[in-house]
C-alpha atoms as a PDB file:
ATOM      1  CA  UNK A   1     -57.221 -26.986 -58.297  1.00  0.00           C
ATOM      2  CA  UNK A   2     -56.364 -30.740 -57.496  1.00  0.00           C
ATOM      3  CA  UNK A   3     -57.633 -33.083 -60.079  1.00  0.00           C
ATOM      4  CA  UNK A   4     -59.407 -36.240 -59.514  1.00  0.00           C
ATOM      5  CA  UNK A   5     -59.974 -39.468 -61.542  1.00  0.00           C
ATOM      6  CA  UNK A   6     -63.719 -39.719 -60.743  1.00  0.00           C
ATOM      7  CA  UNK A   7     -64.905 -38.124 -64.002  1.00  0.00           C
ATOM      8  CA  UNK A   8     -62.449 -39.888 -66.470  1.00  0.00           C
ATOM      9  CA  UNK A   9     -63.334 -43.036 -68.632  1.00  0.00           C
ATOM     10  CA  UNK A  10     -62.678 -46.502 -67.558  1.00  0.00           C
ATOM     11  CA  UNK A  11     -59.818 -47.610 -69.819  1.00  0.00           C
ATOM     12  CA  UNK A  12     -59.541 -51.295 -70.350  1.00  0.00           C
ATOM     13  CA  UNK A  13     -55.937 -52.894 -69.820  1.00  0.00           C
ATOM     14  CA  UNK A  14     -55.832 -54.115 -73.376  1.00  0.00           C
ATOM     15  CA  UNK A  15     -56.568 -50.514 -74.700  1.00  0.00           C
ATOM     16  CA  UNK A  16     -53.872 -48.900 -72.284  1.00  0.00           C
ATOM     17  CA  UNK A  17     -51.319 -51.351 -73.960  1.00  0.00           C
ATOM     18  CA  UNK A  18     -52.574 -50.718 -77.645  1.00  0.00           C
ATOM     19  CA  UNK A  19     -52.334 -47.102 -77.158  1.00  0.00           C
ATOM     20  CA  UNK A  20     -48.748 -47.315 -75.846  1.00  0.00           C
ATOM     21  CA  UNK A  21     -47.527 -49.585 -78.356  1.00  0.00           C
ATOM     22  CA  UNK A  22     -49.205 -47.691 -81.473  1.00  0.00           C
ATOM     23  CA  UNK A  23     -47.787 -44.370 -80.012  1.00  0.00           C
ATOM     24  CA  UNK A  24     -44.191 -45.755 -79.912  1.00  0.00           C
ATOM     25  CA  UNK A  25     -44.417 -47.470 -83.168  1.00  0.00           C
ATOM     26  CA  UNK A  26     -45.505 -44.243 -84.861  1.00  0.00           C
ATOM     27  CA  UNK A  27     -42.060 -42.727 -83.669  1.00  0.00           C
ATOM     28  CA  UNK A  28     -40.124 -45.707 -85.079  1.00  0.00           C
ATOM     29  CA  UNK A  29     -40.115 -48.518 -82.412  1.00  0.00           C
ATOM     30  CA  UNK A  30     -40.383 -51.799 -83.824  1.00  0.00           C
ATOM     31  CA  UNK A  31     -43.519 -53.739 -82.661  1.00  0.00           C
ATOM     32  CA  UNK A  32     -41.944 -56.157 -80.459  1.00  0.00           C
ATOM     33  CA  UNK A  33     -40.090 -53.182 -78.642  1.00  0.00           C
ATOM     34  CA  UNK A  34     -43.138 -51.048 -78.519  1.00  0.00           C
ATOM     35  CA  UNK A  35     -45.297 -54.117 -77.009  1.00  0.00           C
ATOM     36  CA  UNK A  36     -42.600 -54.672 -74.171  1.00  0.00           C
ATOM     37  CA  UNK A  37     -42.693 -51.038 -73.324  1.00  0.00           C
ATOM     38  CA  UNK A  38     -46.628 -51.398 -73.343  1.00  0.00           C
ATOM     39  CA  UNK A  39     -46.440 -54.275 -70.981  1.00  0.00           C
ATOM     40  CA  UNK A  40     -44.287 -52.252 -68.744  1.00  0.00           C
ATOM     41  CA  UNK A  41     -45.961 -48.990 -68.455  1.00  0.00           C
ATOM     42  CA  UNK A  42     -49.471 -50.557 -68.227  1.00  0.00           C
ATOM     43  CA  UNK A  43     -48.088 -53.072 -65.383  1.00  0.00           C
ATOM     44  CA  UNK A  44     -47.222 -49.991 -63.365  1.00  0.00           C
ATOM     45  CA  UNK A  45     -50.742 -48.253 -63.632  1.00  0.00           C
ATOM     46  CA  UNK A  46     -52.297 -51.824 -62.876  1.00  0.00           C
ATOM     47  CA  UNK A  47     -50.308 -51.992 -59.742  1.00  0.00           C
ATOM     48  CA  UNK A  48     -50.818 -48.391 -58.764  1.00  0.00           C
ATOM     49  CA  UNK A  49     -47.638 -46.877 -59.571  1.00  0.00           C
ATOM     50  CA  UNK A  50     -49.108 -44.361 -61.882  1.00  0.00           C
ATOM     51  CA  UNK A  51     -46.030 -42.146 -61.905  1.00  0.00           C
ATOM     52  CA  UNK A  52     -44.178 -45.131 -63.843  1.00  0.00           C
ATOM     53  CA  UNK A  53     -46.970 -46.028 -66.387  1.00  0.00           C
ATOM     54  CA  UNK A  54     -48.783 -44.028 -68.890  1.00  0.00           C
ATOM     55  CA  UNK A  55     -47.328 -40.870 -67.203  1.00  0.00           C
ATOM     56  CA  UNK A  56     -44.069 -41.745 -68.668  1.00  0.00           C
ATOM     57  CA  UNK A  57     -44.960 -42.354 -72.343  1.00  0.00           C
ATOM     58  CA  UNK A  58     -44.580 -38.813 -73.499  1.00  0.00           C
ATOM     59  CA  UNK A  59     -41.111 -38.834 -72.152  1.00  0.00           C
ATOM     60  CA  UNK A  60     -40.240 -41.816 -74.222  1.00  0.00           C
ATOM     61  CA  UNK A  61     -41.701 -40.411 -77.226  1.00  0.00           C
ATOM     62  CA  UNK A  62     -39.580 -37.410 -76.798  1.00  0.00           C
ATOM     63  CA  UNK A  63     -36.440 -39.491 -76.391  1.00  0.00           C
ATOM     64  CA  UNK A  64     -36.994 -41.343 -79.574  1.00  0.00           C
ATOM     65  CA  UNK A  65     -37.967 -38.366 -81.560  1.00  0.00           C
ATOM     66  CA  UNK A  66     -35.175 -36.307 -80.149  1.00  0.00           C
ATOM     67  CA  UNK A  67     -32.716 -39.024 -81.350  1.00  0.00           C
ATOM     68  CA  UNK A  68     -31.406 -39.429 -77.802  1.00  0.00           C
ATOM     69  CA  UNK A  69     -32.900 -42.975 -77.677  1.00  0.00           C
ATOM     70  CA  UNK A  70     -32.479 -45.601 -80.391  1.00  0.00           C
ATOM     71  CA  UNK A  71     -35.860 -47.694 -80.269  1.00  0.00           C
ATOM     72  CA  UNK A  72     -34.414 -50.362 -82.978  1.00  0.00           C
ATOM     73  CA  UNK A  73     -31.295 -51.559 -81.245  1.00  0.00           C
ATOM     74  CA  UNK A  74     -30.723 -54.875 -79.280  1.00  0.00           C
ATOM     75  CA  UNK A  75     -28.565 -54.921 -76.141  1.00  0.00           C
ATOM     76  CA  UNK A  76     -25.282 -57.002 -76.470  1.00  0.00           C
ATOM     77  CA  UNK A  77     -23.074 -58.642 -73.912  1.00  0.00           C
ATOM     78  CA  UNK A  78     -19.513 -57.178 -73.629  1.00  0.00           C
ATOM     79  CA  UNK A  79     -17.958 -59.385 -71.211  1.00  0.00           C
ATOM     80  CA  UNK A  80     -19.167 -62.455 -69.134  1.00  0.00           C
ATOM     81  CA  UNK A  81     -18.147 -65.044 -66.732  1.00  0.00           C
ATOM     82  CA  UNK A  82     -20.362 -68.064 -65.549  1.00  0.00           C
ATOM     83  CA  UNK A  83     -22.053 -65.853 -62.983  1.00  0.00           C
ATOM     84  CA  UNK A  84     -21.664 -62.326 -64.381  1.00  0.00           C
ATOM     85  CA  UNK A  85     -22.370 -60.409 -67.504  1.00  0.00           C
ATOM     86  CA  UNK A  86     -21.703 -56.895 -68.672  1.00  0.00           C
ATOM     87  CA  UNK A  87     -24.036 -55.648 -71.014  1.00  0.00           C
ATOM     88  CA  UNK A  88     -24.140 -52.642 -73.692  1.00  0.00           C
ATOM     89  CA  UNK A  89     -27.686 -51.387 -73.864  1.00  0.00           C
ATOM     90  CA  UNK A  90     -26.744 -49.562 -77.114  1.00  0.00           C
ATOM     91  CA  UNK A  91     -28.921 -46.492 -76.083  1.00  0.00           C
ATOM     92  CA  UNK A  92     -31.955 -48.776 -76.742  1.00  0.00           C
ATOM     93  CA  UNK A  93     -35.430 -48.674 -74.671  1.00  0.00           C
ATOM     94  CA  UNK A  94     -35.241 -49.306 -71.060  1.00  0.00           C
ATOM     95  CA  UNK A  95     -37.676 -52.186 -70.967  1.00  0.00           C
ATOM     96  CA  UNK A  96     -35.952 -53.835 -73.957  1.00  0.00           C
ATOM     97  CA  UNK A  97     -32.519 -53.768 -71.890  1.00  0.00           C
ATOM     98  CA  UNK A  98     -33.911 -54.625 -68.644  1.00  0.00           C
ATOM     99  CA  UNK A  99     -35.857 -57.712 -70.315  1.00  0.00           C
ATOM    100  CA  UNK A 100     -32.466 -58.728 -71.703  1.00  0.00           C
ATOM    101  CA  UNK A 101     -30.419 -58.419 -68.505  1.00  0.00           C
ATOM    102  CA  UNK A 102     -32.768 -60.018 -66.232  1.00  0.00           C
ATOM    103  CA  UNK A 103     -33.151 -63.044 -68.687  1.00  0.00           C
ATOM    104  CA  UNK A 104     -29.336 -63.393 -68.620  1.00  0.00           C
ATOM    105  CA  UNK A 105     -29.089 -63.191 -64.659  1.00  0.00           C
ATOM    106  CA  UNK A 106     -32.065 -65.783 -64.491  1.00  0.00           C
ATOM    107  CA  UNK A 107     -30.334 -68.125 -66.816  1.00  0.00           C
ATOM    108  CA  UNK A 108     -27.072 -67.687 -64.743  1.00  0.00           C
ATOM    109  CA  UNK A 109     -28.681 -68.135 -61.298  1.00  0.00           C
ATOM    110  CA  UNK A 110     -30.323 -71.569 -62.405  1.00  0.00           C
ATOM    111  CA  UNK A 111     -26.831 -72.685 -63.781  1.00  0.00           C
ATOM    112  CA  UNK A 112     -24.483 -71.657 -60.986  1.00  0.00           C
ATOM    113  CA  UNK A 113     -26.733 -70.161 -58.055  1.00  0.00           C
ATOM    114  CA  UNK A 114     -26.410 -66.563 -58.775  1.00  0.00           C
ATOM    115  CA  UNK A 115     -26.333 -64.222 -61.805  1.00  0.00           C
ATOM    116  CA  UNK A 116     -25.246 -60.478 -61.658  1.00  0.00           C
ATOM    117  CA  UNK A 117     -25.579 -58.442 -64.664  1.00  0.00           C
ATOM    118  CA  UNK A 118     -24.840 -54.620 -65.070  1.00  0.00           C
ATOM    119  CA  UNK A 119     -25.623 -52.489 -68.258  1.00  0.00           C
ATOM    120  CA  UNK A 120     -24.628 -49.191 -69.480  1.00  0.00           C
ATOM    121  CA  UNK A 121     -26.137 -46.944 -72.542  1.00  0.00           C
ATOM    122  CA  UNK A 122     -29.354 -47.643 -71.512  1.00  0.00           C
ATOM    123  CA  UNK A 123     -32.659 -45.454 -70.703  1.00  0.00           C
ATOM    124  CA  UNK A 124     -35.298 -45.425 -68.225  1.00  0.00           C
ATOM    125  CA  UNK A 125     -36.456 -48.888 -67.474  1.00  0.00           C
ATOM    126  CA  UNK A 126     -39.772 -48.381 -65.392  1.00  0.00           C
ATOM    127  CA  UNK A 127     -40.700 -50.125 -62.440  1.00  0.00           C
ATOM    128  CA  UNK A 128     -37.997 -52.340 -60.793  1.00  0.00           C
ATOM    129  CA  UNK A 129     -40.569 -55.081 -59.879  1.00  0.00           C
ATOM    130  CA  UNK A 130     -41.282 -55.816 -63.376  1.00  0.00           C
ATOM    131  CA  UNK A 131     -37.704 -57.379 -63.527  1.00  0.00           C
ATOM    132  CA  UNK A 132     -37.609 -58.913 -59.998  1.00  0.00           C
ATOM    133  CA  UNK A 133     -40.790 -60.600 -60.620  1.00  0.00           C
ATOM    134  CA  UNK A 134     -39.406 -62.278 -63.662  1.00  0.00           C
ATOM    135  CA  UNK A 135     -36.919 -63.826 -61.417  1.00  0.00           C
ATOM    136  CA  UNK A 136     -39.526 -64.738 -58.619  1.00  0.00           C
ATOM    137  CA  UNK A 137     -41.576 -66.394 -61.296  1.00  0.00           C
ATOM    138  CA  UNK A 138     -38.671 -68.870 -61.873  1.00  0.00           C
ATOM    139  CA  UNK A 139     -38.272 -69.630 -58.065  1.00  0.00           C
ATOM    140  CA  UNK A 140     -35.463 -67.145 -57.488  1.00  0.00           C
ATOM    141  CA  UNK A 141     -34.773 -64.192 -55.775  1.00  0.00           C
ATOM    142  CA  UNK A 142     -34.488 -60.940 -57.850  1.00  0.00           C
ATOM    143  CA  UNK A 143     -33.188 -57.550 -57.373  1.00  0.00           C
ATOM    144  CA  UNK A 144     -32.860 -54.691 -60.011  1.00  0.00           C
ATOM    145  CA  UNK A 145     -31.163 -51.338 -59.608  1.00  0.00           C
ATOM    146  CA  UNK A 146     -31.102 -48.111 -61.752  1.00  0.00           C
ATOM    147  CA  UNK A 147     -29.707 -44.590 -61.469  1.00  0.00           C
ATOM    148  CA  UNK A 148     -32.329 -42.503 -63.241  1.00  0.00           C
ATOM    149  CA  UNK A 149     -31.414 -39.207 -61.620  1.00  0.00           C
ATOM    150  CA  UNK A 150     -28.298 -37.873 -59.652  1.00  0.00           C
ATOM    151  CA  UNK A 151     -27.916 -40.094 -56.618  1.00  0.00           C
ATOM    152  CA  UNK A 152     -31.531 -41.023 -56.392  1.00  0.00           C
ATOM    153  CA  UNK A 153     -32.774 -44.225 -55.202  1.00  0.00           C
ATOM    154  CA  UNK A 154     -35.935 -45.220 -53.323  1.00  0.00           C
ATOM    155  CA  UNK A 155     -37.235 -41.649 -53.107  1.00  0.00           C
ATOM    156  CA  UNK A 156     -40.537 -39.974 -53.275  1.00  0.00           C
ATOM    157  CA  UNK A 157     -39.782 -39.035 -56.999  1.00  0.00           C
ATOM    158  CA  UNK A 158     -42.842 -40.826 -58.126  1.00  0.00           C
ATOM    159  CA  UNK A 159     -45.042 -39.291 -55.814  1.00  0.00           C
ATOM    160  CA  UNK A 160     -43.860 -35.884 -56.812  1.00  0.00           C
ATOM    161  CA  UNK A 161     -44.671 -36.374 -60.381  1.00  0.00           C
ATOM    162  CA  UNK A 162     -48.169 -37.422 -59.629  1.00  0.00           C
ATOM    163  CA  UNK A 163     -48.668 -34.363 -57.253  1.00  0.00           C
ATOM    164  CA  UNK A 164     -47.531 -32.328 -60.460  1.00  0.00           C
ATOM    165  CA  UNK A 165     -50.227 -33.995 -62.318  1.00  0.00           C
ATOM    166  CA  UNK A 166     -52.744 -33.427 -59.543  1.00  0.00           C
ATOM    167  CA  UNK A 167     -51.627 -29.776 -59.029  1.00  0.00           C
ATOM    168  CA  UNK A 168     -51.109 -30.180 -55.468  1.00  0.00           C
ATOM    169  CA  UNK A 169     -48.021 -29.188 -53.309  1.00  0.00           C
ATOM    170  CA  UNK A 170     -45.547 -32.014 -51.797  1.00  0.00           C
ATOM    171  CA  UNK A 171     -44.619 -32.312 -48.041  1.00  0.00           C
ATOM    172  CA  UNK A 172     -41.581 -30.658 -46.648  1.00  0.00           C
ATOM    173  CA  UNK A 173     -38.425 -32.903 -46.701  1.00  0.00           C
ATOM    174  CA  UNK A 174     -39.032 -34.365 -50.094  1.00  0.00           C
ATOM    175  CA  UNK A 175     -37.287 -32.040 -52.187  1.00  0.00           C
ATOM    176  CA  UNK A 176     -34.797 -29.247 -52.508  1.00  0.00           C
ATOM    177  CA  UNK A 177     -34.548 -26.146 -55.145  1.00  0.00           C
ATOM    178  CA  UNK A 178     -31.379 -25.539 -56.883  1.00  0.00           C
ATOM    179  CA  UNK A 179     -30.049 -23.440 -53.754  1.00  0.00           C
ATOM    180  CA  UNK A 180     -30.603 -26.400 -51.450  1.00  0.00           C
ATOM    181  CA  UNK A 181     -33.682 -24.846 -49.786  1.00  0.00           C
ATOM    182  CA  UNK A 182     -36.665 -27.229 -49.054  1.00  0.00           C
ATOM    183  CA  UNK A 183     -39.510 -26.733 -51.320  1.00  0.00           C
ATOM    184  CA  UNK A 184     -43.024 -28.023 -51.534  1.00  0.00           C
ATOM    185  CA  UNK A 185     -43.519 -26.682 -55.128  1.00  0.00           C
ATOM    186  CA  UNK A 186     -43.487 -29.639 -57.699  1.00  0.00           C
ATOM    187  CA  UNK A 187     -42.237 -27.705 -60.416  1.00  0.00           C
ATOM    188  CA  UNK A 188     -39.485 -26.391 -58.566  1.00  0.00           C
ATOM    189  CA  UNK A 189     -38.626 -29.838 -57.449  1.00  0.00           C
ATOM    190  CA  UNK A 190     -38.383 -30.992 -60.909  1.00  0.00           C
ATOM    191  CA  UNK A 191     -36.682 -27.940 -62.171  1.00  0.00           C
ATOM    192  CA  UNK A 192     -32.995 -28.418 -63.415  1.00  0.00           C
ATOM    193  CA  UNK A 193     -30.407 -27.907 -60.685  1.00  0.00           C
ATOM    194  CA  UNK A 194     -32.965 -28.935 -57.985  1.00  0.00           C
ATOM    195  CA  UNK A 195     -32.914 -32.352 -56.081  1.00  0.00           C
ATOM    196  CA  UNK A 196     -34.857 -34.900 -54.331  1.00  0.00           C
ATOM    197  CA  UNK A 197     -33.960 -35.501 -50.770  1.00  0.00           C
ATOM    198  CA  UNK A 198     -32.803 -39.091 -49.875  1.00  0.00           C
ATOM    199  CA  UNK A 199     -35.055 -41.451 -47.858  1.00  0.00           C
ATOM    200  CA  UNK A 200     -35.655 -39.865 -44.468  1.00  0.00           C
ATOM    201  CA  UNK A 201     -35.190 -36.342 -45.639  1.00  0.00           C
ATOM    202  CA  UNK A 202     -33.037 -34.335 -43.347  1.00  0.00           C
ATOM    203  CA  UNK A 203     -30.361 -35.705 -41.085  1.00  0.00           C
ATOM    204  CA  UNK A 204     -32.683 -35.513 -38.185  1.00  0.00           C
ATOM    205  CA  UNK A 205     -34.897 -38.057 -39.713  1.00  0.00           C
ATOM    206  CA  UNK A 206     -32.118 -40.365 -40.757  1.00  0.00           C
ATOM    207  CA  UNK A 207     -31.696 -39.043 -44.026  1.00  0.00           C
ATOM    208  CA  UNK A 208     -28.009 -40.288 -44.109  1.00  0.00           C
ATOM    209  CA  UNK A 209     -29.121 -43.815 -44.258  1.00  0.00           C
ATOM    210  CA  UNK A 210     -31.136 -43.209 -47.688  1.00  0.00           C
ATOM    211  CA  UNK A 211     -27.997 -41.365 -48.576  1.00  0.00           C
ATOM    212  CA  UNK A 212     -26.143 -44.601 -48.015  1.00  0.00           C
ATOM    213  CA  UNK A 213     -28.757 -46.568 -49.926  1.00  0.00           C
ATOM    214  CA  UNK A 214     -28.396 -44.177 -52.737  1.00  0.00           C
ATOM    215  CA  UNK A 215     -24.704 -44.636 -53.004  1.00  0.00           C
ATOM    216  CA  UNK A 216     -25.213 -48.416 -52.882  1.00  0.00           C
ATOM    217  CA  UNK A 217     -27.743 -48.158 -55.969  1.00  0.00           C
ATOM    218  CA  UNK A 218     -25.158 -45.791 -57.911  1.00  0.00           C
ATOM    219  CA  UNK A 219     -22.264 -48.444 -57.403  1.00  0.00           C
ATOM    220  CA  UNK A 220     -24.646 -51.480 -58.577  1.00  0.00           C
ATOM    221  CA  UNK A 221     -26.204 -49.657 -61.469  1.00  0.00           C
ATOM    222  CA  UNK A 222     -23.671 -47.101 -62.748  1.00  0.00           C
ATOM    223  CA  UNK A 223     -20.165 -47.652 -61.196  1.00  0.00           C
ATOM    224  CA  UNK A 224     -19.992 -51.296 -62.060  1.00  0.00           C
ATOM    225  CA  UNK A 225     -21.579 -50.879 -65.424  1.00  0.00           C
ATOM    226  CA  UNK A 226     -19.305 -47.900 -66.625  1.00  0.00           C
ATOM    227  CA  UNK A 227     -22.507 -45.728 -67.170  1.00  0.00           C
ATOM    228  CA  UNK A 228     -22.941 -42.142 -66.522  1.00  0.00           C
ATOM    229  CA  UNK A 229     -23.140 -41.510 -62.770  1.00  0.00           C
ATOM    230  CA  UNK A 230     -23.768 -38.957 -59.986  1.00  0.00           C
ATOM    231  CA  UNK A 231     -24.082 -35.479 -61.131  1.00  0.00           C
ATOM    232  CA  UNK A 232     -22.885 -36.385 -64.575  1.00  0.00           C
ATOM    233  CA  UNK A 233     -26.499 -37.662 -65.302  1.00  0.00           C
ATOM    234  CA  UNK A 234     -28.579 -35.439 -67.643  1.00  0.00           C
ATOM    235  CA  UNK A 235     -31.355 -33.541 -65.722  1.00  0.00           C
ATOM    236  CA  UNK A 236     -34.569 -35.260 -65.464  1.00  0.00           C
ATOM    237  CA  UNK A 237     -37.125 -34.900 -68.408  1.00  0.00           C
ATOM    238  CA  UNK A 238     -34.382 -33.334 -70.649  1.00  0.00           C
ATOM    239  CA  UNK A 239     -33.182 -34.655 -74.107  1.00  0.00           C
ATOM    240  CA  UNK A 240     -30.227 -32.535 -74.958  1.00  0.00           C
ATOM    241  CA  UNK A 241     -27.939 -35.514 -74.901  1.00  0.00           C
ATOM    242  CA  UNK A 242     -28.289 -39.403 -74.469  1.00  0.00           C
ATOM    243  CA  UNK A 243     -29.203 -40.549 -70.956  1.00  0.00           C
ATOM    244  CA  UNK A 244     -26.327 -43.430 -70.688  1.00  0.00           C
ATOM    245  CA  UNK A 245     -28.093 -44.760 -67.584  1.00  0.00           C
ATOM    246  CA  UNK A 246     -26.987 -47.784 -65.692  1.00  0.00           C
ATOM    247  CA  UNK A 247     -28.870 -50.797 -64.438  1.00  0.00           C
ATOM    248  CA  UNK A 248     -27.901 -53.738 -62.237  1.00  0.00           C
ATOM    249  CA  UNK A 249     -29.734 -57.134 -61.893  1.00  0.00           C
ATOM    250  CA  UNK A 250     -29.111 -60.031 -59.384  1.00  0.00           C
ATOM    251  CA  UNK A 251     -30.901 -63.274 -59.536  1.00  0.00           C
ATOM    252  CA  UNK A 252     -30.237 -65.880 -56.764  1.00  0.00           C
ATOM    253  CA  UNK A 253     -31.197 -69.276 -56.494  1.00  0.00           C
ATOM    254  CA  UNK A 254     -32.423 -69.820 -52.750  1.00  0.00           C
ATOM    255  CA  UNK A 255     -32.024 -73.674 -53.205  1.00  0.00           C
ATOM    256  CA  UNK A 256     -28.229 -73.023 -52.733  1.00  0.00           C
ATOM    257  CA  UNK A 257     -28.658 -71.974 -49.119  1.00  0.00           C
ATOM    258  CA  UNK A 258     -30.528 -72.942 -46.176  1.00  0.00           C
ATOM    259  CA  UNK A 259     -33.555 -75.477 -46.673  1.00  0.00           C
ATOM    260  CA  UNK A 260     -37.237 -74.657 -46.528  1.00  0.00           C
ATOM    261  CA  UNK A 261     -36.720 -71.112 -48.028  1.00  0.00           C
ATOM    262  CA  UNK A 262     -40.311 -70.844 -49.099  1.00  0.00           C
ATOM    263  CA  UNK A 263     -41.997 -71.962 -45.995  1.00  0.00           C
ATOM    264  CA  UNK A 264     -39.690 -69.739 -43.931  1.00  0.00           C
ATOM    265  CA  UNK A 265     -40.429 -66.804 -45.907  1.00  0.00           C
ATOM    266  CA  UNK A 266     -44.266 -67.309 -45.798  1.00  0.00           C
ATOM    267  CA  UNK A 267     -44.012 -67.798 -42.116  1.00  0.00           C
ATOM    268  CA  UNK A 268     -42.262 -64.514 -41.841  1.00  0.00           C
ATOM    269  CA  UNK A 269     -44.868 -62.733 -43.833  1.00  0.00           C
ATOM    270  CA  UNK A 270     -47.718 -64.310 -41.921  1.00  0.00           C
ATOM    271  CA  UNK A 271     -46.314 -63.135 -38.712  1.00  0.00           C
ATOM    272  CA  UNK A 272     -46.035 -59.542 -40.028  1.00  0.00           C
ATOM    273  CA  UNK A 273     -49.434 -59.526 -41.676  1.00  0.00           C
ATOM    274  CA  UNK A 274     -50.972 -60.856 -38.309  1.00  0.00           C
ATOM    275  CA  UNK A 275     -49.330 -58.263 -36.245  1.00  0.00           C
ATOM    276  CA  UNK A 276     -51.618 -55.856 -34.539  1.00  0.00           C
ATOM    277  CA  UNK A 277     -51.978 -52.607 -36.369  1.00  0.00           C
ATOM    278  CA  UNK A 278     -51.652 -49.149 -34.761  1.00  0.00           C
ATOM    279  CA  UNK A 279     -54.741 -48.367 -36.748  1.00  0.00           C
ATOM    280  CA  UNK A 280     -57.243 -51.050 -36.955  1.00  0.00           C
ATOM    281  CA  UNK A 281     -58.507 -49.797 -40.269  1.00  0.00           C
ATOM    282  CA  UNK A 282     -55.070 -50.204 -41.716  1.00  0.00           C
ATOM    283  CA  UNK A 283     -53.917 -53.636 -41.506  1.00  0.00           C
ATOM    284  CA  UNK A 284     -49.998 -54.458 -41.604  1.00  0.00           C
ATOM    285  CA  UNK A 285     -48.933 -55.280 -45.001  1.00  0.00           C
ATOM    286  CA  UNK A 286     -45.790 -56.900 -46.591  1.00  0.00           C
ATOM    287  CA  UNK A 287     -44.181 -55.814 -49.669  1.00  0.00           C
ATOM    288  CA  UNK A 288     -46.485 -56.417 -52.671  1.00  0.00           C
ATOM    289  CA  UNK A 289     -49.763 -56.569 -50.762  1.00  0.00           C
ATOM    290  CA  UNK A 290     -50.803 -52.913 -51.570  1.00  0.00           C
ATOM    291  CA  UNK A 291     -50.208 -53.961 -55.260  1.00  0.00           C
ATOM    292  CA  UNK A 292     -52.318 -56.896 -55.232  1.00  0.00           C
ATOM    293  CA  UNK A 293     -55.107 -54.985 -53.724  1.00  0.00           C
ATOM    294  CA  UNK A 294     -54.859 -52.520 -56.397  1.00  0.00           C
ATOM    295  CA  UNK A 295     -54.816 -55.100 -59.026  1.00  0.00           C
ATOM    296  CA  UNK A 296     -57.911 -56.599 -57.538  1.00  0.00           C
ATOM    297  CA  UNK A 297     -59.713 -53.522 -57.664  1.00  0.00           C
ATOM    298  CA  UNK A 298     -58.585 -52.745 -61.207  1.00  0.00           C
ATOM    299  CA  UNK A 299     -59.926 -56.299 -62.254  1.00  0.00           C
ATOM    300  CA  UNK A 300     -63.198 -55.634 -60.357  1.00  0.00           C
ATOM    301  CA  UNK A 301     -63.693 -52.193 -62.051  1.00  0.00           C
ATOM    302  CA  UNK A 302     -62.645 -53.651 -65.439  1.00  0.00           C
ATOM    303  CA  UNK A 303     -60.142 -50.960 -66.335  1.00  0.00           C
ATOM    304  CA  UNK A 304     -58.095 -48.047 -65.091  1.00  0.00           C
ATOM    305  CA  UNK A 305     -59.132 -44.550 -64.617  1.00  0.00           C
ATOM    306  CA  UNK A 306     -56.293 -41.734 -65.324  1.00  0.00           C
ATOM    307  CA  UNK A 307     -56.200 -38.500 -64.174  1.00  0.00           C
ATOM    308  CA  UNK A 308     -57.864 -35.806 -66.218  1.00  0.00           C
ATOM    309  CA  UNK A 309     -54.340 -34.186 -66.869  1.00  0.00           C
ATOM    310  CA  UNK A 310     -53.120 -37.535 -67.965  1.00  0.00           C
ATOM    311  CA  UNK A 311     -56.126 -37.922 -70.498  1.00  0.00           C
ATOM    312  CA  UNK A 312     -55.331 -34.697 -71.860  1.00  0.00           C
ATOM    313  CA  UNK A 313     -51.700 -35.543 -72.465  1.00  0.00           C
ATOM    314  CA  UNK A 314     -52.644 -38.714 -74.200  1.00  0.00           C
ATOM    315  CA  UNK A 315     -55.093 -36.739 -76.416  1.00  0.00           C
ATOM    316  CA  UNK A 316     -52.345 -34.665 -77.519  1.00  0.00           C
ATOM    317  CA  UNK A 317     -50.148 -37.360 -78.152  1.00  0.00           C
ATOM    318  CA  UNK A 318     -52.872 -38.834 -80.253  1.00  0.00           C
ATOM    319  CA  UNK A 319     -53.292 -35.946 -82.460  1.00  0.00           C
ATOM    320  CA  UNK A 320     -49.532 -35.249 -82.655  1.00  0.00           C
ATOM    321  CA  UNK A 321     -48.630 -39.115 -83.762  1.00  0.00           C
ATOM    322  CA  UNK A 322     -51.945 -39.657 -85.766  1.00  0.00           C
ATOM    323  CA  UNK A 323     -52.646 -42.685 -83.442  1.00  0.00           C
ATOM    324  CA  UNK A 324     -56.272 -44.000 -82.733  1.00  0.00           C
ATOM    325  CA  UNK A 325     -57.388 -41.865 -79.363  1.00  0.00           C
ATOM    326  CA  UNK A 326     -57.272 -43.766 -76.007  1.00  0.00           C
ATOM    327  CA  UNK A 327     -60.909 -44.714 -75.304  1.00  0.00           C
ATOM    328  CA  UNK A 328     -62.853 -46.185 -72.625  1.00  0.00           C
ATOM    329  CA  UNK A 329     -66.259 -46.332 -71.071  1.00  0.00           C
END
């Protein structure tokens, strides 16, 4: 039976961050690293990307307790030029590696116009937007890439994870089983040997374009950085070996190019937003609009409601790690 969030308590954002940080500290993460992960995961839930929020806490805990992730280490630069840097994440927490790398990219972009940073030996780093927004807040353009699973880029993976928590099937064209047959079962889609289909699904719906995009992400995140790539990446949600994920970060100073960047971009977004929608009840949005709407709704409600399945997972983590339970109203 599908699960809904209507009967779960309202969890304040500060409470979600507290719970995540304390869980990670309980398994050995320093407070500053645990807090970074708490900020990252709750930011995802706040924006409506529940697959990359509290949903991932159990996975990070398992990575640390299994010894396949070292929550105590700091990233280090292996090689750099005025505009580039190659980083060794030293198998640290993804948010710690990601924050380090985007800070380096931003510094270089401010100094010479562009910063390109790649990292190897990292772990899952959450939602890409947490890093691109750091660049945006500095008046820059930002991009972030990661190869969390074999040849996967902007796919429907996060929707599959939430469908699994809700107990509902996924549409045709989202995933294949280990024999290459389309599946609508979430457990099958996440089983070792199965794979997600690229954006567009089958060739009939331009899946080859998503396939090409996946290659682009793999090059910027793993091939340039020397991280594990393609079919060599460990299966999703397993802890039999270190992940050695790759990331790529780009920060660009728009002032190095055509003038009036901000006004031209604002005009473009206004044109798109003011386009006549096919469905009057669904206005045309630009990237980031849906997240802003979700954040406004969370602010109005005073907190986040998680799925019953997620709350049960948090209860188990609380008991396992002897951490104060996640509580709300």
